Amino acid sequence: MKYREIKQHHLPAVISITALFLIDSIAYYSTYIITDIYTVNHVGMPFPWRVYFVVIFIIYLFKNYNPSPRISRWKEAKTIIQSIYITGILYTFWKILTKDISIDQSQYDLLFIHLFLIIDIPLRFIVRSIQRLFLAMGIGGRSTILLGSGKDAQHVANDIICHPILGFDLQGYFSQSEADTMNRYCSYLGDPDDVYSYVQTHAINEMIIILETHEHDNLLAIIGRYEMLDICIKIIPDMYESITGQVRIDVLNGIPLLDINPDIITEFQSIMKRIIDIVLSIIILTFMLPLLLALMIIIPLNSTGGVFYDQLRVGTKGTIFKLYKFRTMYINSERDTGPIWAEHADSRITQVGRVLRKYHLDEIPQLYNVLKGQMSIVGPRPERPQIIDTLKEKIPYYTHRLKVKPGITGWAQIRGAYDAGLEDVYLKLRHDFYYVENTSIFLDIKILFITALIILKGKGQ
């Protein structure tokens, strides 16, 4: 659970998360008391604090402190059982291998694991049931507005009103004009131009965009218009073809809704990602120091100019920073053309530069940008301001990829085509959207592994 989500889910979310945390703590303490009492040669075992924190962390890591009422209780139980059981078994097996305990003594750990699950799962069922009971009474729903007034919008509004257990508190709708058919479900709040001011003056948590078929061409412009609002924005699936990305799906009483702007990564994961960036950067720079010194001699000998090349790039939320690379092009190679995309067999690239690009060695100085916090090792490719300005005009939703730090490598870099034109940009943008919406430490590790294979095969350009 992330601070931003807690903020958007308001006080009922905080209460739900707190209740789940207390339930897990009670289940753990109860398990400790029972197993301690019935352990052979009972002498009063000290409370295992370290294991307690590990258990809570595992439950948190698998996103089981989610206050959403639409979470399946059975799926939640299954996730907790799998995560705790597998982790507990591996932990016990490790203790046996390291001879911390014997096989006979491991029975205590196995008993502890199973007893915790037996106590915790029913208690969580009770908390979730109470949460849904309050929602059915109209307490604790997320403040929601709709953008649209057609048949689909009316259908969604009707479902929200008829099923308060879904967790939405419908405030009204925005549309180009007031619709009597929509007024039967909720109040008319104004035209789309009024959305921004309304959200700023009211505690809104969610906006669901439900446009008519003839309005779908304007979807990207509409989303880009409201993207900076600190609310969750959802659209219905048939409009998603306009975005051509890959995002998480939420379900509203059987109606799939696509969350187009979630901040998937948690505060903890953000800290871990930063630590990994720093540690890996230091290790790589230390390990490759002899090669770096050699390149600093070879590059200026091969062609006139300096060793490094710096260039302005666009970072998180549009911030401008200076990116550093080993120089791979001749001096003043863009004097007549201005900023352009690289081409296959580019005549601007030096002989040494081709080798550096083939094995991505020209990217090593960017680790300095990583250490400064301007970039991450994994993230969307940072572009130049001039190219960003051009792409924003052609692709209104392009700035969505600026929600995370740019990276030296990334999902688009290992999956998409090389940026040689607008078609390649569209292809990479799909992969960038996938990364932004699904970013996690596990995905980063996967990307780093594939990147290492690409470098070893010399598939750079």
Protein backbone atom coordinates (compact mmCIF):
# COMPACT_ATOMS: atom_id res chain seq x y z
CA MET A 1 0.00 0.00 0.00
CA LYS A 2 1.32 3.43 -0.95
CA TYR A 3 0.91 6.78 0.80
CA ARG A 4 -0.67 8.23 -2.35
CA GLU A 5 -3.28 5.46 -2.39
CA ILE A 6 -4.04 5.94 1.32
CA LYS A 7 -4.47 9.65 0.61
CA GLN A 8 -6.86 8.92 -2.23
CA HIS A 9 -8.77 6.28 -0.31
CA HIS A 10 -9.23 8.72 2.63
CA LEU A 11 -9.93 7.82 6.27
CA PRO A 12 -11.86 4.55 5.66
CA ALA A 13 -8.80 3.20 3.83
CA VAL A 14 -6.53 4.05 6.75
CA ILE A 15 -8.93 2.31 9.12
CA SER A 16 -9.10 -0.78 6.86
CA ILE A 17 -5.32 -1.02 6.57
CA THR A 18 -4.89 -0.53 10.32
CA ALA A 19 -7.50 -3.23 11.03
CA LEU A 20 -5.76 -5.70 8.72
CA PHE A 21 -2.40 -4.96 10.32
CA LEU A 22 -3.83 -5.44 13.83
CA ILE A 23 -5.50 -8.70 12.79
CA ASP A 24 -2.22 -10.07 11.46
CA SER A 25 -0.45 -8.99 14.66
CA ILE A 26 -3.13 -10.59 16.86
CA ALA A 27 -2.95 -13.79 14.82
CA TYR A 28 0.83 -13.88 15.18
CA TYR A 29 0.77 -13.22 18.94
CA SER A 30 -1.97 -15.83 19.45
CA THR A 31 0.07 -18.34 17.48
CA TYR A 32 3.11 -17.58 19.64
CA ILE A 33 1.16 -18.08 22.87
CA ILE A 34 -0.43 -21.37 21.78
CA THR A 35 2.73 -22.92 20.34
CA ASP A 36 4.79 -21.81 23.32
CA ILE A 37 2.36 -23.35 25.81
CA TYR A 38 2.14 -26.68 24.04
CA THR A 39 5.81 -26.98 23.16
CA VAL A 40 7.58 -29.92 24.81
CA ASN A 41 9.80 -28.79 27.71
CA HIS A 42 8.02 -25.46 27.81
CA VAL A 43 10.29 -22.87 29.44
CA GLY A 44 8.79 -19.63 28.18
CA MET A 45 10.24 -18.91 24.74
CA PRO A 46 11.04 -15.21 24.10
CA PHE A 47 8.78 -13.45 21.63
CA PRO A 48 10.27 -13.87 18.10
CA TRP A 49 10.26 -10.23 17.01
CA ARG A 50 12.42 -10.75 13.94
CA VAL A 51 10.12 -13.40 12.54
CA TYR A 52 7.13 -11.17 13.31
CA PHE A 53 8.54 -8.33 11.21
CA VAL A 54 9.37 -10.77 8.41
CA VAL A 55 5.79 -12.10 8.39
CA ILE A 56 4.30 -8.59 8.28
CA PHE A 57 6.73 -7.58 5.55
CA ILE A 58 5.85 -10.61 3.42
CA ILE A 59 2.13 -9.86 3.73
CA TYR A 60 2.84 -6.24 2.78
CA LEU A 61 5.14 -7.22 -0.09
CA PHE A 62 2.39 -9.31 -1.68
CA LYS A 63 0.01 -6.31 -1.48
CA ASN A 64 -2.32 -7.77 1.14
CA TYR A 65 -2.81 -4.46 2.94
CA ASN A 66 -5.04 -3.21 0.15
CA PRO A 67 -8.19 -1.44 1.42
CA SER A 68 -10.17 -1.99 -1.80
CA PRO A 69 -13.51 -3.68 -1.04
CA ARG A 70 -13.53 -5.32 -4.48
CA ILE A 71 -10.67 -7.66 -3.60
CA SER A 72 -11.75 -11.29 -3.63
CA ARG A 73 -11.53 -12.66 -0.10
CA TRP A 74 -10.69 -16.10 -1.40
CA LYS A 75 -7.95 -14.75 -3.66
CA GLU A 76 -6.54 -12.75 -0.76
CA ALA A 77 -6.54 -15.85 1.44
CA LYS A 78 -4.85 -17.87 -1.31
CA THR A 79 -2.11 -15.24 -1.71
CA ILE A 80 -1.41 -15.13 2.03
CA ILE A 81 -1.32 -18.91 2.31
CA GLN A 82 1.06 -19.24 -0.64
CA SER A 83 3.40 -16.42 0.43
CA ILE A 84 3.61 -17.36 4.13
CA TYR A 85 3.71 -21.10 3.56
CA ILE A 86 6.40 -21.06 0.87
CA THR A 87 8.53 -18.52 2.75
CA GLY A 88 8.13 -20.44 6.02
CA ILE A 89 9.07 -23.76 4.44
CA LEU A 90 12.15 -22.26 2.79
CA TYR A 91 13.15 -20.58 6.07
CA THR A 92 12.79 -23.85 8.00
CA PHE A 93 14.67 -25.79 5.35
CA TRP A 94 17.51 -23.25 5.50
CA LYS A 95 17.71 -23.54 9.30
CA ILE A 96 18.00 -27.32 8.97
CA LEU A 97 20.76 -27.04 6.34
CA THR A 98 22.73 -24.58 8.46
CA LYS A 99 22.17 -26.85 11.50
CA ASP A 100 20.45 -24.10 13.51
CA ILE A 101 17.77 -26.67 14.30
CA SER A 102 17.31 -30.39 13.85
CA ILE A 103 14.59 -32.01 11.78
CA ASP A 104 12.71 -32.86 14.99
CA GLN A 105 12.91 -29.26 16.19
CA SER A 106 11.60 -28.00 12.85
CA GLN A 107 8.18 -29.36 13.81
CA TYR A 108 7.75 -26.26 15.96
CA ASP A 109 8.27 -23.95 12.97
CA LEU A 110 5.89 -25.95 10.80
CA LEU A 111 3.26 -25.90 13.55
CA PHE A 112 3.73 -22.14 13.90
CA ILE A 113 3.20 -21.55 10.16
CA HIS A 114 0.03 -23.60 9.89
CA LEU A 115 -1.47 -22.29 13.14
CA PHE A 116 -0.86 -18.67 12.08
CA LEU A 117 -2.69 -19.23 8.80
CA ILE A 118 -5.57 -21.01 10.56
CA ILE A 119 -6.06 -18.02 12.87
CA ASP A 120 -5.26 -15.19 10.45
CA ILE A 121 -7.41 -16.12 7.43
CA PRO A 122 -10.79 -16.29 9.28
CA LEU A 123 -10.02 -13.01 11.10
CA ARG A 124 -9.29 -11.32 7.78
CA PHE A 125 -12.57 -12.68 6.42
CA ILE A 126 -14.34 -10.98 9.33
CA VAL A 127 -12.61 -7.63 8.69
CA ARG A 128 -13.45 -7.74 4.98
CA SER A 129 -17.07 -8.65 5.76
CA ILE A 130 -17.41 -5.74 8.19
CA GLN A 131 -15.89 -3.44 5.58
CA ARG A 132 -18.50 -4.52 3.03
CA LEU A 133 -21.26 -4.16 5.60
CA PHE A 134 -20.33 -0.51 6.16
CA LEU A 135 -20.23 0.10 2.41
CA ALA A 136 -23.68 -1.44 2.04
CA MET A 137 -24.82 1.13 4.63
CA GLY A 138 -23.31 3.91 2.50
CA ILE A 139 -20.26 4.45 4.72
CA GLY A 140 -16.68 4.53 3.43
CA GLY A 141 -17.13 4.78 -0.35
CA ARG A 142 -14.62 6.50 -2.63
CA SER A 143 -15.79 9.90 -3.85
CA THR A 144 -16.27 9.40 -7.60
CA ILE A 145 -17.20 11.49 -10.64
CA LEU A 146 -18.08 10.34 -14.16
CA LEU A 147 -17.05 11.98 -17.44
CA GLY A 148 -19.73 11.12 -20.00
CA SER A 149 -23.51 10.80 -20.21
CA GLY A 150 -24.19 8.13 -22.83
CA LYS A 151 -25.67 4.66 -22.37
CA ASP A 152 -22.43 3.20 -21.02
CA ALA A 153 -22.16 6.03 -18.49
CA GLN A 154 -25.76 5.46 -17.41
CA HIS A 155 -25.07 1.73 -17.03
CA VAL A 156 -22.03 2.37 -14.82
CA ALA A 157 -23.88 4.99 -12.75
CA ASN A 158 -26.75 2.56 -12.20
CA ASP A 159 -24.35 -0.18 -11.05
CA ILE A 160 -22.60 2.17 -8.63
CA ILE A 161 -25.89 3.28 -7.10
CA CYS A 162 -27.42 -0.21 -6.94
CA HIS A 163 -24.27 -1.81 -5.54
CA PRO A 164 -22.70 0.45 -2.89
CA ILE A 165 -20.58 -2.53 -1.83
CA LEU A 166 -18.40 -1.76 -4.86
CA GLY A 167 -16.96 1.10 -2.84
CA PHE A 168 -17.87 4.14 -4.97
CA ASP A 169 -19.68 7.23 -3.73
CA LEU A 170 -21.00 8.84 -6.92
CA GLN A 171 -20.98 12.65 -6.77
CA GLY A 172 -22.21 13.41 -10.27
CA TYR A 173 -21.22 13.57 -13.92
CA PHE A 174 -19.58 15.96 -16.38
CA SER A 175 -20.63 16.20 -20.00
CA GLN A 176 -20.79 18.70 -22.85
CA SER A 177 -24.46 19.16 -22.03
CA GLU A 178 -26.92 18.06 -19.36
CA ALA A 179 -28.75 14.79 -20.12
CA ASP A 180 -32.16 14.01 -18.61
CA THR A 181 -31.50 10.26 -18.86
CA MET A 182 -28.29 10.65 -16.84
CA ASN A 183 -29.95 12.96 -14.30
CA ARG A 184 -31.97 9.99 -13.10
CA TYR A 185 -28.81 8.54 -11.57
CA CYS A 186 -26.74 11.53 -10.44
CA SER A 187 -26.38 15.30 -10.67
CA TYR A 188 -24.94 17.26 -13.59
CA LEU A 189 -21.76 18.98 -12.40
CA GLY A 190 -20.75 20.88 -15.55
CA ASP A 191 -18.87 20.44 -18.82
CA PRO A 192 -15.40 18.82 -19.08
CA ASP A 193 -13.74 22.23 -18.67
CA ASP A 194 -15.08 22.35 -15.10
CA VAL A 195 -13.51 19.05 -13.99
CA TYR A 196 -10.18 20.51 -12.92
CA SER A 197 -11.65 23.24 -10.72
CA TYR A 198 -14.21 20.85 -9.23
CA VAL A 199 -11.53 18.32 -8.24
CA GLN A 200 -9.45 21.09 -6.69
CA THR A 201 -12.32 22.22 -4.47
CA HIS A 202 -13.83 18.81 -3.59
CA ALA A 203 -12.34 15.68 -2.05
CA ILE A 204 -12.53 13.50 -5.17
CA ASN A 205 -10.76 10.13 -5.27
CA GLU A 206 -11.76 8.71 -8.63
CA MET A 207 -12.86 9.72 -12.13
CA ILE A 208 -14.29 7.23 -14.60
CA ILE A 209 -14.15 8.34 -18.25
CA ILE A 210 -16.96 6.83 -20.32
CA LEU A 211 -17.15 8.48 -23.73
CA GLU A 212 -19.40 7.83 -26.68
CA THR A 213 -17.95 5.97 -29.68
CA HIS A 214 -17.62 9.13 -31.78
CA GLU A 215 -15.59 10.79 -28.99
CA HIS A 216 -12.92 8.09 -28.72
CA ASP A 217 -10.55 9.90 -31.07
CA ASN A 218 -10.24 12.64 -28.46
CA LEU A 219 -9.45 10.24 -25.64
CA LEU A 220 -5.71 10.86 -25.54
CA ALA A 221 -6.19 14.62 -25.40
CA ILE A 222 -8.77 14.24 -22.62
CA ILE A 223 -6.53 11.97 -20.55
CA GLY A 224 -3.53 14.23 -21.00
CA ARG A 225 -5.67 17.13 -19.82
CA TYR A 226 -6.43 15.54 -16.45
CA GLU A 227 -3.32 13.39 -15.94
CA MET A 228 -1.72 15.70 -13.38
CA LEU A 229 -4.77 15.59 -11.10
CA ASP A 230 -4.06 13.57 -7.96
CA ILE A 231 -6.94 11.17 -8.54
CA CYS A 232 -7.33 7.71 -10.02
CA ILE A 233 -8.59 7.77 -13.61
CA LYS A 234 -10.29 4.79 -15.21
CA ILE A 235 -11.66 4.15 -18.70
CA ILE A 236 -13.73 1.34 -20.21
CA PRO A 237 -11.92 -1.29 -22.35
CA ASP A 238 -13.24 -0.45 -25.83
CA MET A 239 -11.61 2.98 -25.60
CA TYR A 240 -8.28 1.47 -24.69
CA GLU A 241 -7.38 0.77 -28.30
CA SER A 242 -6.64 4.48 -28.58
CA ILE A 243 -3.89 4.23 -25.97
CA THR A 244 -2.36 0.91 -27.13
CA GLY A 245 -0.63 0.26 -23.85
CA GLN A 246 -0.89 -2.42 -21.19
CA VAL A 247 -2.28 -1.59 -17.76
CA ARG A 248 -4.00 -3.06 -14.71
CA ILE A 249 -7.66 -4.02 -14.91
CA ASP A 250 -10.20 -3.27 -12.21
CA VAL A 251 -13.70 -4.77 -12.28
CA LEU A 252 -16.89 -2.90 -11.47
CA ASN A 253 -19.66 -5.46 -11.00
CA GLY A 254 -18.54 -7.37 -14.07
CA ILE A 255 -17.60 -4.25 -16.05
CA PRO A 256 -13.82 -4.16 -16.62
CA LEU A 257 -12.26 -0.75 -16.02
CA LEU A 258 -8.69 0.10 -16.89
CA ASP A 259 -6.68 2.15 -14.43
CA ILE A 260 -4.51 4.35 -16.65
CA ASN A 261 -2.51 6.28 -14.07
CA PRO A 262 -1.74 4.16 -11.01
CA ASP A 263 1.51 4.61 -9.09
CA ILE A 264 2.27 0.92 -8.83
CA ILE A 265 5.54 1.12 -6.95
CA THR A 266 5.28 1.57 -3.18
CA GLU A 267 7.37 3.92 -1.04
CA PHE A 268 9.33 0.93 0.23
CA GLN A 269 9.99 -0.29 -3.29
CA SER A 270 11.07 3.23 -4.29
CA ILE A 271 13.65 3.22 -1.49
CA MET A 272 14.81 -0.28 -2.43
CA LYS A 273 15.08 0.74 -6.09
CA ARG A 274 17.24 3.73 -5.11
CA ILE A 275 19.49 1.56 -2.93
CA ILE A 276 19.88 -0.97 -5.75
CA ASP A 277 20.73 1.85 -8.18
CA ILE A 278 23.48 3.19 -5.90
CA VAL A 279 24.96 -0.21 -5.02
CA LEU A 280 24.97 -1.50 -8.62
CA SER A 281 26.43 1.76 -9.95
CA ILE A 282 29.31 1.65 -7.48
CA ILE A 283 29.99 -2.05 -8.19
CA ILE A 284 29.95 -1.57 -11.99
CA LEU A 285 32.14 1.54 -11.89
CA THR A 286 34.63 -0.17 -9.59
CA PHE A 287 34.74 -3.39 -11.61
CA MET A 288 35.10 -1.58 -14.96
CA LEU A 289 37.59 1.08 -13.81
CA PRO A 290 40.51 -0.32 -15.90
CA LEU A 291 38.32 -0.38 -19.02
CA LEU A 292 37.07 3.14 -18.36
CA LEU A 293 40.63 4.44 -18.09
CA ALA A 294 41.54 2.70 -21.36
CA LEU A 295 38.53 4.22 -23.15
CA MET A 296 39.46 7.67 -21.91
CA ILE A 297 42.73 7.25 -23.85
CA ILE A 298 41.37 5.49 -26.96
CA ILE A 299 38.36 7.74 -27.73
CA PRO A 300 40.31 11.04 -28.31
CA LEU A 301 43.01 9.12 -30.25
CA ASN A 302 40.40 7.75 -32.65
CA SER A 303 38.79 11.11 -33.53
CA THR A 304 39.12 14.75 -32.66
CA GLY A 305 37.18 15.77 -29.57
CA GLY A 306 36.75 15.05 -25.92
CA VAL A 307 36.14 11.78 -24.13
CA PHE A 308 32.65 12.52 -22.84
CA TYR A 309 29.55 13.87 -24.51
CA ASP A 310 26.88 15.69 -22.51
CA GLN A 311 23.38 16.43 -23.68
CA LEU A 312 20.23 17.86 -22.15
CA ARG A 313 17.55 15.25 -21.52
CA VAL A 314 14.07 15.24 -19.98
CA GLY A 315 13.69 13.44 -16.65
CA THR A 316 10.92 12.71 -14.16
CA LYS A 317 7.90 15.01 -14.49
CA GLY A 318 9.61 17.03 -17.21
CA THR A 319 12.72 18.11 -15.28
CA ILE A 320 15.75 18.86 -17.47
CA PHE A 321 19.14 17.37 -16.64
CA LYS A 322 22.51 16.92 -18.34
CA LEU A 323 23.17 13.32 -19.42
CA TYR A 324 26.72 12.01 -19.84
CA LYS A 325 27.96 9.37 -22.29
CA PHE A 326 31.20 8.37 -23.91
CA ARG A 327 31.48 10.26 -27.19
CA THR A 328 30.62 8.00 -30.13
CA MET A 329 30.07 10.63 -32.85
CA TYR A 330 32.25 13.10 -34.65
CA ILE A 331 32.33 16.65 -33.28
CA ASN A 332 29.53 18.95 -34.55
CA SER A 333 27.77 16.00 -36.21
CA GLU A 334 24.37 17.72 -35.72
CA ARG A 335 25.46 21.24 -36.58
CA ASP A 336 23.49 21.31 -39.84
CA THR A 337 20.66 18.90 -39.00
CA GLY A 338 19.85 19.76 -35.40
CA PRO A 339 18.61 17.05 -33.00
CA ILE A 340 17.57 13.97 -34.99
CA TRP A 341 17.12 10.28 -34.31
CA ALA A 342 20.03 7.94 -34.86
CA GLU A 343 19.98 5.85 -38.03
CA HIS A 344 21.23 2.39 -38.91
CA ALA A 345 24.79 2.61 -40.28
CA ASP A 346 24.85 6.25 -39.11
CA SER A 347 27.74 8.13 -40.77
CA ARG A 348 28.06 10.39 -37.73
CA ILE A 349 29.37 7.52 -35.59
CA THR A 350 33.12 6.97 -35.21
CA GLN A 351 34.82 3.57 -35.57
CA VAL A 352 35.37 3.29 -31.82
CA GLY A 353 31.86 4.59 -31.30
CA ARG A 354 30.39 1.64 -33.22
CA VAL A 355 32.13 -0.81 -30.89
CA LEU A 356 31.02 1.16 -27.83
CA ARG A 357 27.40 1.18 -29.00
CA LYS A 358 27.44 -2.48 -29.98
CA TYR A 359 28.27 -3.46 -26.40
CA HIS A 360 26.52 -0.47 -24.77
CA LEU A 361 29.79 0.72 -23.26
CA ASP A 362 28.96 4.31 -24.20
CA GLU A 363 26.21 4.21 -21.56
CA ILE A 364 28.57 3.64 -18.60
CA PRO A 365 29.02 7.38 -17.73
CA GLN A 366 25.26 7.56 -17.17
CA LEU A 367 25.91 5.78 -13.88
CA TYR A 368 27.02 9.21 -12.69
CA ASN A 369 23.49 10.47 -13.47
CA VAL A 370 22.14 7.48 -11.55
CA LEU A 371 24.26 8.31 -8.49
CA LYS A 372 23.01 11.91 -8.65
CA GLY A 373 19.41 10.64 -8.60
CA GLN A 374 18.57 12.04 -12.05
CA MET A 375 18.20 8.58 -13.58
CA SER A 376 17.65 4.99 -12.55
CA ILE A 377 19.44 1.97 -13.96
CA VAL A 378 16.06 0.71 -15.21
CA GLY A 379 13.43 3.01 -16.72
CA PRO A 380 12.20 4.57 -19.97
CA ARG A 381 14.87 5.98 -22.27
CA PRO A 382 15.48 9.70 -21.60
CA GLU A 383 14.79 11.88 -24.65
CA ARG A 384 15.96 15.34 -25.63
CA PRO A 385 13.64 18.32 -24.93
CA GLN A 386 13.26 19.15 -28.64
CA ILE A 387 12.18 15.61 -29.50
CA ILE A 388 9.85 15.50 -26.48
CA ASP A 389 8.16 18.73 -27.62
CA THR A 390 7.65 17.26 -31.10
CA LEU A 391 6.28 13.99 -29.76
CA LYS A 392 3.90 15.73 -27.34
CA GLU A 393 2.23 17.42 -30.31
CA LYS A 394 1.82 14.14 -32.19
CA ILE A 395 1.11 11.91 -29.17
CA PRO A 396 -0.82 13.84 -26.47
CA TYR A 397 -0.37 11.09 -23.88
CA TYR A 398 3.39 10.76 -24.44
CA THR A 399 4.25 12.56 -21.19
CA HIS A 400 2.77 9.61 -19.25
CA ARG A 401 6.18 7.93 -19.55
CA LEU A 402 7.71 10.81 -17.56
CA LYS A 403 6.02 9.59 -14.36
CA VAL A 404 9.07 7.46 -13.50
CA LYS A 405 12.80 8.15 -13.64
CA PRO A 406 14.41 7.54 -17.02
CA GLY A 407 16.80 4.61 -17.16
CA ILE A 408 19.97 3.37 -18.80
CA THR A 409 18.10 0.22 -19.78
CA GLY A 410 14.39 -0.58 -19.69
CA TRP A 411 11.51 -2.70 -20.94
CA ALA A 412 11.20 -0.69 -24.15
CA GLN A 413 14.95 -0.78 -24.76
CA ILE A 414 15.08 -4.58 -24.61
CA ARG A 415 11.78 -5.21 -26.38
CA GLY A 416 11.14 -2.38 -28.84
CA ALA A 417 12.70 -1.22 -32.08
CA TYR A 418 15.55 1.26 -32.23
CA ASP A 419 14.32 4.87 -32.37
CA ALA A 420 14.74 5.73 -36.04
CA GLY A 421 11.38 7.38 -36.61
CA LEU A 422 7.87 8.01 -35.31
CA GLU A 423 6.71 4.42 -35.95
CA ASP A 424 9.49 3.11 -33.71
CA VAL A 425 8.50 5.66 -31.06
CA TYR A 426 4.91 4.34 -31.06
CA LEU A 427 6.22 0.80 -30.63
CA LYS A 428 8.52 1.76 -27.76
CA LEU A 429 5.79 3.86 -26.17
CA ARG A 430 3.64 0.76 -25.73
CA HIS A 431 6.46 -0.90 -23.83
CA ASP A 432 7.14 2.25 -21.80
CA PHE A 433 3.48 2.35 -20.75
CA TYR A 434 3.70 -1.28 -19.71
CA TYR A 435 6.72 -0.52 -17.53
CA VAL A 436 5.17 2.58 -15.96
CA GLU A 437 1.98 0.72 -15.06
CA ASN A 438 3.67 -2.49 -13.89
CA THR A 439 6.95 -1.25 -12.45
CA SER A 440 8.35 -3.33 -9.62
CA ILE A 441 11.66 -4.57 -8.25
CA PHE A 442 10.96 -7.99 -9.76
CA LEU A 443 10.40 -6.53 -13.23
CA ASP A 444 13.62 -4.50 -12.88
CA ILE A 445 15.57 -7.66 -12.07
CA LYS A 446 14.12 -9.37 -15.14
CA ILE A 447 15.08 -6.39 -17.33
CA LEU A 448 18.64 -6.34 -15.92
CA PHE A 449 19.04 -10.05 -16.64
CA ILE A 450 17.87 -9.69 -20.26
CA THR A 451 20.04 -6.58 -20.68
CA ALA A 452 23.11 -8.54 -19.57
CA LEU A 453 22.38 -11.19 -22.23
CA ILE A 454 21.95 -8.51 -24.91
CA ILE A 455 25.27 -6.89 -23.97
CA LEU A 456 27.10 -10.23 -24.04
CA LYS A 457 25.66 -10.94 -27.51
CA GLY A 458 26.71 -7.48 -28.73
CA LYS A 459 23.28 -6.54 -30.07
CA GLY A 460 23.58 -2.79 -29.45
CA GLN A 461 23.30 -0.24 -32.26
